[in-house]
Structures are given as structure tokens and as C-alpha cells.
Amino acid sequence: MVKRQDLYAIPEVQTSPLLQALRAEEARLSARRAHVESGLGRQHPEVTAATRELARVQESIRSKVEQVVAGLASDAQVARRQEEELAAKVDSLRRKVGEASEQQLQLSILERRADARRAFYAALEKRYVETSALLHGVYPDARVVSPATPQPVPSWPNTGIVLAGGLLVGAAIGALLVALLEIRDKTFRTASQLEAATGVPCLGILPDLGRRFHGRTTGNLRARSSRLFREAVRTIFIAMSAALGADSQRKRRGQVILVTSALPQDGKTVSSVALASAAAASGSKTLLIDADLRRPRVEGYLPAEWRSQDLAAVLASGQTSAGCTQIDTNLYAIRGSAADENAQRLFLSTEFDAFMQTATADFDTVVIDSPPALVVADAAILARHADAVVHVVRWGQTPRSNVLAAVDRLRRANGNAIGATMLNCVDPSGYRKYNRDGGWTIKYADYYRPAPATSTVNR
């Protein structure tokens, strides 16, 4: 027999909602009977009624537990029968697997025997055919006249034809790529291209000074530039002087040269300093004005310009020659001053007009480094005072449409000024590829070498 405590320990008994409710009711009635019995005595009718009610609940619990136990016993018997059936099936399957293994082994043995006999019969059949052919005089119709000799070279592919075809195809593809690159190139590569597009003469080309030059922000331009660069600057200045000298009216006063570009980083500041230095070296009293007030850069190539007054201070004092700083023989400079976005008000003032009139009277040449023409309006305002406007175009970088727009804008600002262009930052080797019939200055840059220093011998 299973003890009552063990029955209540069965999980199905513990989890039954009905038994849980009956157990709770049993506990409540037991507590109530004990309470009434302690107050009224064991013989009181309420105690008797509570005892009967408790007995009824306990009987219900016992009955429900017996039902659960009976159900579990029935499930156990069913599971036991299923286990016996499964064990019988497992034994049957084991016997069948053993029989199948034996049959598989017998099948493998028979297959090997069959293969051996088949091979033996095939050999007998082949021997029979050969013997029959010998008995009946059957011989082959062909005989070897001479052994085959392999050729020293393959008949195909023909190496010469393949190489020639490959060269032709490669040349065609290369020409097509070059044509596509030329079509996509929207910049200027030669002086003739620049003259044909803009309609104004190209004064010359300035070679690129290299990464070492652009990596430094200070230093004298002449000391940092190459001999080829200086010779190209002199060539451009002579062409500019010839263009300005053709007009007799401009000989009566100083010549004003405005140097600008369509976009930033085209090299206009270097070109301005180079032209001003070339003019001073030729004997002309030259004034260089840094008019790019938003980004003044001239002092990076003329360190002595830091000592000069800025343009706003010179205009405020009314000085011209006295307010300029002498950088070198015949070379004077005025550095740019920091200004806001309305810097053009300085150039539209009457003080600047008076300053330019005095400057052209005191100096033979006035070179103005102007801001980019397409970025701000300062260049168009300064062009009104210019005798010549030089557009600096970066070789292989500045788009053609921007150059044409800048030239047209300054032509409308001052139609009387002489227009000119120049190519800057030119790669000498690349320029020769685009212009094989020109660029002799670049090709024969080393023709004239500096004369060696001679020593004087005392006799």
C-alpha cells in the first residue's frame, strides 16, 4: 500500500487544481473546528457540524486522489504493454537485420565470382577470335611504308601573323583611347589652342616649378625659381612690352598691367611677382600691388613686403611713392590688407582712383595682382584702370569654359585694355608631346649655360 504522504507527493496530485482547492478547504475547516472547539467545547453542535464538514472534504480528497492513482496505474499498464510490444518489434528487426547481412555477404561473394567468370569468358572469346583469324588467313590490308616524321615548327598558329595582328589591334585600341582622352580633355595644352579659343594673343608659357617650390610658402622667387622659368618670364615681359609700346598714348604715362585668372590656384600671384621682377630688371621703375585683399599671397614670394604698409593704410594717408616699400632695384611693393567680402568698395573709392593716377605718374610700370575673375567682382573693377589684362591659365587644369567666361567678363569691363593670356605650370615633357613644332625654349633650355667663374692670376 502506498502511504498517504507518498500519494500527496505525486506530481499529478500536487498540480491538480481541484485537489489544491480541496486541500485549501480542508485546512480552512480544520482551523475553524479548532477555533470553535477551543471556545465552545468538543460537545457543542457547531463543533460537531464542523467535524462532519471536514470529514466530507477529506473523503472528497481521498476519492480524488484514488482516481488520480487509478488513472496513473492504468497509464502505467498501457505503457508497460507498449514497451513489451516495442521490445518484441526490436527483437524481430534484429533478426531481420542479421538475415539481411548474411544475404548481403552471399550476394557480394556471388558478384565477385560472376565478375571473375565474365573476365575469363572474355579472354577465351578474344583468344578464339585471334586463333580463327590465323586459321582462315585473315591479315590487315595496310603496311608501314615509312615512319612519320614530326615537323620542326607547328603549322598553326602562325606566330608572325598573330604578332602582327596583335600589334595592329593594340595600335588601334591605343589610338582610340588617345582620341577619347583628347575629346574628354576640356583644358588648354598649347598656346595655339589658347589663342584660337580666346581670340587674344598668348604671350608665352611658364614651366612648372615643381613640388619643392609649392611646398614652401616663403622665400625669394628668383632664388627659388629655375633658369628656364626666369628666361620664360623675360620672354613674356618682352612680348607684353611690345604690345603696350605699340600704343603711343600709353607711352605718356606709366603702364598698368592687371594679372588675373579665372579660378584660384592658377598661379596668378607667382606670375605677377615674376612680371614685376622682370620689369624692374629691365630698368623700369615698377610698383607691385597685392590687390587680392581676401587672400593676399605676394608676401610669400617677396619677404621684404612684410615691412610695407598695406593698401588701405596707403589710401588713407594719401601717399604713393612714400608709402611703398622698395624690395629691390627699381622694384617697389604694397602688400594687401585684410578685408571683408565688400572689398570692392575700396577699389570703387575716389581715393583709389587718385592713388592710381599718382602711381602711373610716379612709376613706369604698375603690376596689379588681382583676385580670380570668376570668383569675385574685384577683377572687373580693377580692369577699368588697366592698360593690359593678362589672364593666367593653368596648363591642363583650368577648364576652357571658365577661361572664356573670364576673358569675356574683363573685356566687357574695359574694352580698351589690351587682352593677353599665358600658360602657367606647364610640364615641359608633357608640353612637347602636344606641341612638337614649338616650345623651343623648353627643348633647348640647357643650350646657354652660366659662364664659369674665372680667377685672376697676379703676375
Protein backbone atom coordinates (compact mmCIF):
# COMPACT_ATOMS: atom_id res chain seq x y z
CA MET A 1 0.00 0.00 0.00
CA VAL A 2 1.15 3.49 -0.76
CA LYS A 3 1.27 5.83 2.20
CA ARG A 4 -0.99 8.87 2.23
CA GLN A 5 2.01 11.21 2.36
CA ASP A 6 3.51 9.44 -0.67
CA LEU A 7 0.24 9.86 -2.57
CA TYR A 8 0.28 13.59 -1.96
CA ALA A 9 3.88 13.71 -3.23
CA ILE A 10 2.81 12.52 -6.70
CA PRO A 11 3.22 15.42 -9.20
CA GLU A 12 -0.21 14.84 -10.75
CA VAL A 13 -1.81 15.12 -7.29
CA GLN A 14 0.12 18.28 -6.45
CA THR A 15 -0.69 20.01 -9.75
CA SER A 16 -4.43 19.15 -9.80
CA PRO A 17 -6.42 22.39 -9.38
CA LEU A 18 -9.35 20.55 -7.76
CA LEU A 19 -7.16 18.83 -5.17
CA GLN A 20 -5.44 22.11 -4.41
CA ALA A 21 -8.82 23.72 -3.77
CA LEU A 22 -9.96 20.78 -1.57
CA ARG A 23 -6.72 20.86 0.40
CA ALA A 24 -7.18 24.57 0.96
CA GLU A 25 -10.79 23.96 2.08
CA GLU A 26 -9.57 21.15 4.41
CA ALA A 27 -7.06 23.47 6.01
CA ARG A 28 -9.69 26.17 6.46
CA LEU A 29 -12.21 23.76 8.08
CA SER A 30 -9.55 22.29 10.37
CA ALA A 31 -8.63 25.74 11.57
CA ARG A 32 -12.32 26.67 12.05
CA ARG A 33 -13.05 23.48 14.03
CA ALA A 34 -10.07 24.03 16.26
CA HIS A 35 -11.13 27.60 16.88
CA VAL A 36 -14.75 26.66 17.73
CA GLU A 37 -13.67 23.68 19.87
CA SER A 38 -11.33 25.84 21.89
CA GLY A 39 -14.08 28.33 22.59
CA LEU A 40 -17.26 26.21 22.92
CA GLY A 41 -16.06 22.72 23.85
CA ARG A 42 -15.90 19.43 21.97
CA GLN A 43 -19.62 18.55 22.51
CA HIS A 44 -21.01 21.76 21.03
CA PRO A 45 -23.21 21.35 17.94
CA GLU A 46 -21.09 23.73 15.86
CA VAL A 47 -18.01 21.64 16.62
CA THR A 48 -19.91 18.53 15.55
CA ALA A 49 -21.06 20.20 12.31
CA ALA A 50 -17.52 21.40 11.55
CA THR A 51 -16.21 17.88 12.13
CA ARG A 52 -18.71 16.41 9.71
CA GLU A 53 -17.90 19.03 7.07
CA LEU A 54 -14.18 18.35 7.49
CA ALA A 55 -14.74 14.63 7.16
CA ARG A 56 -16.72 15.20 3.97
CA VAL A 57 -13.94 17.28 2.45
CA GLN A 58 -11.29 14.73 3.44
CA GLU A 59 -13.36 11.99 1.87
CA SER A 60 -13.56 14.01 -1.34
CA ILE A 61 -9.80 14.49 -1.30
CA ARG A 62 -9.22 10.80 -0.73
CA SER A 63 -11.62 9.89 -3.53
CA LYS A 64 -9.98 12.31 -5.95
CA VAL A 65 -6.52 11.02 -5.03
CA GLU A 66 -7.62 7.45 -5.60
CA GLN A 67 -8.97 8.45 -9.01
CA VAL A 68 -5.62 10.04 -9.91
CA VAL A 69 -3.74 6.99 -8.68
CA ALA A 70 -6.06 4.70 -10.60
CA GLY A 71 -5.53 6.72 -13.76
CA LEU A 72 -1.77 6.61 -13.30
CA ALA A 73 -1.90 2.85 -12.73
CA SER A 74 -3.91 2.44 -15.93
CA ASP A 75 -1.41 4.58 -17.85
CA ALA A 76 1.43 2.53 -16.38
CA GLN A 77 -0.18 -0.72 -17.56
CA VAL A 78 -0.70 0.72 -21.05
CA ALA A 79 2.90 1.93 -21.17
CA ARG A 80 4.12 -1.47 -19.97
CA ARG A 81 2.18 -3.22 -22.74
CA GLN A 82 3.56 -0.79 -25.32
CA GLU A 83 7.07 -1.41 -24.01
CA GLU A 84 6.61 -5.17 -24.39
CA GLU A 85 5.32 -4.69 -27.96
CA LEU A 86 8.26 -2.42 -28.85
CA ALA A 87 10.72 -4.91 -27.36
CA ALA A 88 9.19 -7.65 -29.48
CA LYS A 89 9.45 -5.49 -32.60
CA VAL A 90 13.11 -4.65 -31.81
CA ASP A 91 13.93 -8.35 -31.50
CA SER A 92 12.18 -9.05 -34.80
CA LEU A 93 14.09 -6.27 -36.53
CA ARG A 94 17.37 -7.51 -35.13
CA ARG A 95 16.71 -10.95 -36.53
CA LYS A 96 15.79 -9.46 -39.93
CA VAL A 97 18.94 -7.28 -39.98
CA GLY A 98 21.07 -10.29 -39.22
CA GLU A 99 19.45 -12.25 -42.02
CA ALA A 100 19.89 -9.29 -44.42
CA SER A 101 23.60 -9.02 -43.53
CA GLU A 102 24.09 -12.69 -44.29
CA GLN A 103 22.24 -12.33 -47.60
CA GLN A 104 24.34 -9.23 -48.50
CA LEU A 105 27.51 -11.18 -47.81
CA GLN A 106 26.32 -14.03 -50.01
CA LEU A 107 25.43 -11.50 -52.75
CA SER A 108 28.91 -9.95 -52.64
CA ILE A 109 30.52 -13.38 -52.92
CA LEU A 110 28.34 -14.30 -55.90
CA GLU A 111 29.06 -10.96 -57.65
CA ARG A 112 32.81 -11.47 -57.34
CA ARG A 113 32.52 -14.96 -58.74
CA ALA A 114 30.40 -13.68 -61.66
CA ASP A 115 32.93 -10.92 -62.47
CA ALA A 116 35.79 -13.41 -62.44
CA ARG A 117 33.97 -15.82 -64.74
CA ARG A 118 32.93 -12.95 -67.07
CA ALA A 119 36.56 -11.85 -67.41
CA PHE A 120 37.64 -15.42 -68.05
CA TYR A 121 34.99 -15.89 -70.77
CA ALA A 122 36.02 -12.55 -72.41
CA ALA A 123 39.65 -13.69 -72.54
CA LEU A 124 38.63 -17.02 -74.06
CA GLU A 125 36.50 -15.23 -76.67
CA LYS A 126 39.36 -12.92 -77.65
CA ARG A 127 41.75 -15.84 -77.96
CA TYR A 128 39.22 -17.69 -80.08
CA VAL A 129 38.86 -14.76 -82.49
CA GLU A 130 42.61 -14.43 -82.87
CA THR A 131 43.05 -18.15 -83.46
CA SER A 132 40.24 -18.21 -86.03
CA ALA A 133 41.83 -15.33 -87.92
CA LEU A 134 45.15 -17.15 -88.12
CA LEU A 135 43.49 -20.41 -89.26
CA HIS A 136 41.48 -18.75 -92.06
CA GLY A 137 44.34 -16.45 -93.32
CA VAL A 138 42.82 -13.05 -92.44
CA TYR A 139 45.55 -10.37 -92.47
CA PRO A 140 45.40 -6.48 -92.36
CA ASP A 141 45.29 -4.55 -95.69
CA ALA A 142 47.72 -1.74 -94.56
CA ARG A 143 51.50 -1.75 -94.14
CA VAL A 144 54.07 0.80 -92.92
CA VAL A 145 55.89 2.36 -95.86
CA SER A 146 57.99 4.84 -93.80
CA PRO A 147 57.79 6.17 -90.23
CA ALA A 148 56.10 9.55 -89.67
CA THR A 149 58.49 12.48 -89.12
CA PRO A 150 57.25 15.37 -86.88
CA GLN A 151 57.51 18.93 -88.26
CA PRO A 152 60.10 21.25 -86.62
CA VAL A 153 57.55 24.08 -86.16
CA PRO A 154 53.79 23.93 -85.64
CA SER A 155 51.60 24.61 -88.65
CA TRP A 156 49.19 26.68 -86.53
CA PRO A 157 49.11 29.23 -85.02
CA ASN A 158 51.40 31.25 -87.27
CA THR A 159 53.49 33.32 -84.86
CA GLY A 160 54.22 36.13 -87.31
CA ILE A 161 50.59 36.62 -88.28
CA VAL A 162 49.44 36.53 -84.66
CA LEU A 163 52.07 39.09 -83.59
CA ALA A 164 51.28 41.40 -86.48
CA GLY A 165 47.57 41.17 -85.79
CA GLY A 166 48.15 41.83 -82.10
CA LEU A 167 50.25 44.91 -82.87
CA LEU A 168 47.61 46.28 -85.22
CA VAL A 169 44.79 45.68 -82.73
CA GLY A 170 46.84 47.19 -79.91
CA ALA A 171 47.68 50.24 -82.00
CA ALA A 172 44.02 50.69 -82.92
CA ILE A 173 42.92 50.42 -79.30
CA GLY A 174 45.66 52.84 -78.21
CA ALA A 175 44.66 55.35 -80.89
CA LEU A 176 41.03 55.05 -79.81
CA LEU A 177 41.92 55.64 -76.16
CA VAL A 178 44.05 58.65 -77.09
CA ALA A 179 41.19 60.06 -79.17
CA LEU A 180 38.74 59.57 -76.31
CA LEU A 181 41.11 61.25 -73.86
CA GLU A 182 41.58 64.18 -76.23
CA ILE A 183 37.82 64.54 -76.62
CA ARG A 184 37.31 64.48 -72.85
CA ASP A 185 40.14 66.95 -72.23
CA LYS A 186 38.40 70.32 -71.78
CA THR A 187 41.56 72.25 -70.89
CA PHE A 188 44.29 74.08 -72.81
CA ARG A 189 47.51 72.27 -73.71
CA THR A 190 49.21 74.61 -76.19
CA ALA A 191 49.49 78.33 -76.79
CA SER A 192 47.87 77.99 -80.20
CA GLN A 193 44.78 76.36 -78.62
CA LEU A 194 44.56 79.23 -76.14
CA GLU A 195 44.85 81.92 -78.82
CA ALA A 196 42.31 80.24 -81.12
CA ALA A 197 39.72 79.87 -78.34
CA THR A 198 40.04 83.27 -76.64
CA GLY A 199 40.89 85.47 -79.65
CA VAL A 200 43.67 87.23 -77.72
CA PRO A 201 47.44 86.61 -78.07
CA CYS A 202 49.23 84.17 -75.80
CA LEU A 203 52.40 85.83 -74.53
CA GLY A 204 54.16 82.57 -73.65
CA ILE A 205 54.36 79.68 -71.24
CA LEU A 206 55.78 79.36 -67.72
CA PRO A 207 57.19 75.95 -66.73
CA ASP A 208 56.10 74.28 -63.50
CA LEU A 209 58.45 74.98 -60.61
CA GLY A 210 57.94 71.56 -59.03
CA ARG A 211 56.68 70.23 -55.72
CA ARG A 212 59.59 71.58 -53.70
CA PHE A 213 58.70 75.12 -54.77
CA HIS A 214 54.98 74.78 -53.97
CA GLY A 215 55.73 73.04 -50.68
CA ARG A 216 57.32 76.24 -49.30
CA THR A 217 55.25 79.32 -48.57
CA THR A 218 58.05 81.88 -48.11
CA GLY A 219 61.27 82.76 -49.88
CA ASN A 220 62.58 84.93 -52.68
CA LEU A 221 61.05 83.92 -56.02
CA ARG A 222 64.24 84.49 -58.01
CA ALA A 223 66.31 82.34 -55.66
CA ARG A 224 63.69 79.54 -55.67
CA SER A 225 62.92 79.52 -59.42
CA SER A 226 64.82 77.78 -62.20
CA ARG A 227 66.80 79.42 -65.02
CA LEU A 228 64.25 78.09 -67.52
CA PHE A 229 61.46 79.82 -65.58
CA ARG A 230 63.29 83.14 -65.47
CA GLU A 231 64.02 83.01 -69.20
CA ALA A 232 60.34 82.30 -69.91
CA VAL A 233 59.35 85.29 -67.75
CA ARG A 234 61.67 87.58 -69.70
CA THR A 235 60.17 86.32 -72.98
CA ILE A 236 56.63 87.05 -71.74
CA PHE A 237 57.60 90.51 -70.47
CA ILE A 238 59.19 91.43 -73.81
CA ALA A 239 56.02 90.34 -75.62
CA MET A 240 53.92 92.36 -73.16
CA SER A 241 56.14 95.43 -73.60
CA ALA A 242 55.89 95.14 -77.37
CA ALA A 243 52.09 95.03 -77.17
CA LEU A 244 51.94 98.04 -74.84
CA GLY A 245 54.57 100.01 -76.78
CA ALA A 246 52.50 99.86 -79.98
CA ASP A 247 50.02 102.30 -78.44
CA SER A 248 51.58 105.79 -78.41
CA GLN A 249 49.02 107.14 -75.94
CA ARG A 250 50.18 104.68 -73.29
CA LYS A 251 53.79 105.91 -73.56
CA ARG A 252 52.85 109.24 -71.95
CA ARG A 253 52.30 107.66 -68.52
CA GLY A 254 53.05 104.53 -66.54
CA GLN A 255 51.63 101.28 -67.86
CA VAL A 256 49.18 99.34 -65.66
CA ILE A 257 49.24 95.56 -66.09
CA LEU A 258 46.43 93.61 -64.39
CA VAL A 259 47.28 89.95 -63.77
CA THR A 260 44.30 87.70 -63.03
CA SER A 261 42.95 84.20 -63.59
CA ALA A 262 39.60 82.53 -63.96
CA LEU A 263 39.89 80.38 -60.81
CA PRO A 264 42.11 80.17 -57.72
CA GLN A 265 45.31 78.11 -57.71
CA ASP A 266 46.10 79.00 -61.35
CA GLY A 267 49.37 80.76 -60.47
CA LYS A 268 48.47 84.41 -60.94
CA THR A 269 50.41 85.60 -57.87
CA VAL A 270 53.64 83.90 -58.98
CA SER A 271 53.11 85.35 -62.45
CA SER A 272 52.54 88.85 -61.03
CA VAL A 273 55.72 88.75 -58.96
CA ALA A 274 57.69 87.34 -61.89
CA LEU A 275 56.46 90.02 -64.35
CA ALA A 276 57.13 92.82 -61.84
CA SER A 277 60.66 91.50 -61.23
CA ALA A 278 61.30 91.27 -64.97
CA ALA A 279 60.08 94.82 -65.49
CA ALA A 280 62.33 96.12 -62.71
CA ALA A 281 65.29 94.20 -64.12
CA SER A 282 64.72 95.86 -67.50
CA GLY A 283 65.20 99.30 -65.90
CA SER A 284 61.57 100.31 -65.42
CA LYS A 285 60.56 101.71 -62.08
CA THR A 286 57.95 99.15 -61.12
CA LEU A 287 55.23 99.04 -58.46
CA LEU A 288 53.66 95.69 -57.47
CA ILE A 289 50.24 95.96 -55.77
CA ASP A 290 48.76 92.96 -53.97
CA ALA A 291 45.08 93.66 -54.70
CA ASP A 292 43.82 90.21 -53.66
CA LEU A 293 42.63 91.55 -50.33
CA ARG A 294 40.77 88.41 -49.29
CA ARG A 295 43.77 86.09 -49.76
CA PRO A 296 46.98 88.18 -50.08
CA ARG A 297 49.87 85.94 -51.11
CA VAL A 298 52.54 88.23 -52.59
CA GLU A 299 54.48 88.43 -49.33
CA GLY A 300 55.19 84.69 -49.66
CA TYR A 301 57.39 85.41 -52.69
CA LEU A 302 58.72 88.84 -51.59
CA PRO A 303 59.57 88.56 -47.89
CA ALA A 304 60.60 92.22 -47.69
CA GLU A 305 57.00 93.21 -48.49
CA TRP A 306 56.05 92.50 -44.86
CA ARG A 307 57.67 95.82 -43.94
CA SER A 308 55.44 97.80 -46.32
CA GLN A 309 52.18 99.47 -45.47
CA ASP A 310 49.00 97.76 -46.55
CA LEU A 311 46.87 99.17 -49.35
CA ALA A 312 44.15 100.52 -47.07
CA ALA A 313 46.72 102.45 -44.99
CA VAL A 314 48.33 103.92 -48.10
CA LEU A 315 44.96 105.11 -49.41
CA ALA A 316 44.04 106.58 -46.03
CA SER A 317 47.33 108.53 -45.81
CA GLY A 318 47.17 109.76 -49.41
CA GLN A 319 50.76 108.64 -50.04
CA THR A 320 52.02 106.85 -53.13
CA SER A 321 55.76 106.55 -53.52
CA ALA A 322 56.38 107.30 -49.87
CA GLY A 323 54.01 104.54 -48.79
CA CYS A 324 55.66 101.85 -50.92
CA THR A 325 58.47 99.56 -49.80
CA GLN A 326 61.49 99.14 -52.04
CA ILE A 327 62.11 95.42 -52.48
CA ASP A 328 64.97 95.58 -54.96
CA THR A 329 66.46 97.92 -57.51
CA ASN A 330 63.53 99.64 -59.32
CA LEU A 331 61.05 97.26 -57.59
CA TYR A 332 58.52 98.59 -55.06
CA ALA A 333 55.57 96.81 -53.45
CA ILE A 334 52.40 97.43 -51.44
CA ARG A 335 51.03 94.47 -49.56
CA GLY A 336 47.37 93.58 -49.41
CA SER A 337 45.25 94.29 -46.36
CA ALA A 338 42.69 92.03 -44.75
CA ALA A 339 39.19 92.93 -45.96
CA ASP A 340 35.68 91.59 -45.70
CA GLU A 341 33.50 90.39 -48.56
CA ASN A 342 32.82 94.01 -49.63
CA ALA A 343 36.45 94.67 -50.52
CA GLN A 344 35.40 96.13 -53.86
CA ARG A 345 34.24 99.27 -52.04
CA LEU A 346 37.93 100.08 -51.56
CA PHE A 347 38.54 99.90 -55.32
CA LEU A 348 35.44 101.98 -56.10
CA SER A 349 36.52 104.82 -53.81
CA THR A 350 37.83 108.15 -55.07
CA GLU A 351 40.97 107.61 -53.00
CA PHE A 352 41.89 104.58 -55.09
CA ASP A 353 41.29 106.50 -58.34
CA ALA A 354 43.58 109.27 -57.13
CA PHE A 355 46.14 106.70 -55.97
CA MET A 356 46.22 105.05 -59.41
CA GLN A 357 46.66 108.40 -61.17
CA THR A 358 49.59 109.25 -58.90
CA ALA A 359 51.08 105.75 -59.27
CA THR A 360 51.06 105.93 -63.06
CA ALA A 361 52.79 109.28 -62.83
CA ASP A 362 55.47 108.10 -60.37
CA PHE A 363 56.18 104.63 -61.83
CA ASP A 364 56.91 103.33 -65.29
CA THR A 365 55.07 100.05 -64.73
CA VAL A 366 52.34 99.14 -62.24
CA VAL A 367 51.58 95.41 -61.85
CA ILE A 368 48.34 94.53 -60.01
CA ASP A 369 47.81 91.04 -58.59
CA SER A 370 44.04 90.72 -58.88
CA PRO A 371 41.63 88.17 -57.37
CA PRO A 372 40.21 85.47 -59.69
CA ALA A 373 37.81 86.99 -62.22
CA LEU A 374 35.05 84.39 -61.84
CA VAL A 375 35.12 84.26 -58.04
CA VAL A 376 34.70 87.90 -57.01
CA ALA A 377 33.92 91.19 -58.77
CA ASP A 378 37.22 92.87 -57.81
CA ALA A 379 38.96 91.95 -61.08
CA ALA A 380 36.27 93.62 -63.21
CA ILE A 381 36.56 96.80 -61.11
CA LEU A 382 40.37 96.86 -61.29
CA ALA A 383 40.28 96.27 -65.06
CA ARG A 384 39.00 99.83 -65.54
CA HIS A 385 42.45 101.14 -64.54
CA ALA A 386 44.44 98.62 -66.62
CA ASP A 387 46.24 99.17 -69.89
CA ALA A 388 46.68 95.42 -70.32
CA VAL A 389 44.90 92.45 -68.76
CA VAL A 390 46.89 89.21 -68.57
CA HIS A 391 44.86 86.05 -67.97
CA VAL A 392 46.89 83.28 -66.34
CA VAL A 393 45.68 79.83 -67.41
CA ARG A 394 46.91 76.70 -65.68
CA TRP A 395 48.12 74.13 -68.16
CA GLY A 396 45.90 71.06 -68.26
CA GLN A 397 43.81 72.22 -65.26
CA THR A 398 41.68 75.31 -65.94
CA PRO A 399 38.52 74.40 -67.91
CA ARG A 400 38.12 76.13 -71.25
CA SER A 401 34.63 77.39 -70.46
CA ASN A 402 35.89 79.20 -67.35
CA VAL A 403 38.74 80.84 -69.25
CA LEU A 404 36.40 82.09 -71.99
CA ALA A 405 33.96 83.41 -69.39
CA ALA A 406 36.73 85.30 -67.55
CA VAL A 407 38.12 86.83 -70.75
CA ASP A 408 34.65 87.94 -71.84
CA ARG A 409 33.87 89.43 -68.42
CA LEU A 410 37.01 91.59 -68.30
CA ARG A 411 36.66 92.55 -71.98
CA ARG A 412 33.26 93.99 -71.19
CA ALA A 413 34.66 95.72 -68.08
CA ASN A 414 37.34 97.54 -70.14
CA GLY A 415 37.23 97.07 -73.87
CA ASN A 416 40.17 99.43 -74.42
CA ALA A 417 42.63 97.34 -72.44
CA ILE A 418 44.96 95.02 -74.29
CA GLY A 419 43.98 91.42 -73.63
CA ALA A 420 46.58 88.68 -73.36
CA THR A 421 46.94 85.18 -71.94
CA MET A 422 49.74 82.95 -70.69
CA LEU A 423 50.01 79.27 -69.82
CA ASN A 424 51.30 78.54 -66.33
CA CYS A 425 52.56 75.41 -64.52
CA VAL A 426 53.48 73.74 -67.81
CA ASP A 427 55.06 70.30 -67.66
CA PRO A 428 57.99 70.55 -70.12
CA SER A 429 57.92 66.90 -71.18
CA GLY A 430 54.13 66.90 -71.50
CA TYR A 431 54.13 70.14 -73.49
CA ARG A 432 56.48 68.65 -76.07
CA LYS A 433 54.01 65.79 -76.60
CA TYR A 434 51.23 68.22 -77.52
CA ASN A 435 53.34 70.73 -79.43
CA ARG A 436 56.25 69.07 -81.22
CA ASP A 437 56.81 72.02 -83.57
CA GLY A 438 57.03 74.61 -80.78
CA GLY A 439 58.31 75.07 -77.27
CA TRP A 440 61.90 75.66 -78.35
CA THR A 441 62.69 77.46 -75.11
CA ILE A 442 61.84 74.29 -73.21
CA LYS A 443 63.61 71.98 -75.64
CA TYR A 444 66.87 73.96 -75.67
CA ALA A 445 66.74 75.12 -72.03
CA ASP A 446 70.29 73.97 -71.40
CA TYR A 447 71.76 75.49 -74.58
CA TYR A 448 73.11 78.53 -72.76
CA ARG A 449 74.83 77.66 -69.52
CA PRO A 450 76.17 80.08 -66.93
CA ALA A 451 79.74 81.12 -67.65
CA PRO A 452 82.23 79.51 -65.26
CA ALA A 453 83.79 81.77 -62.68
CA THR A 454 87.26 82.95 -63.70
CA SER A 455 90.05 83.69 -61.30
CA THR A 456 92.55 86.49 -61.71
CA VAL A 457 96.19 85.44 -61.67
CA ASN A 458 98.68 88.02 -60.35
CA ARG A 459 101.79 88.19 -62.36
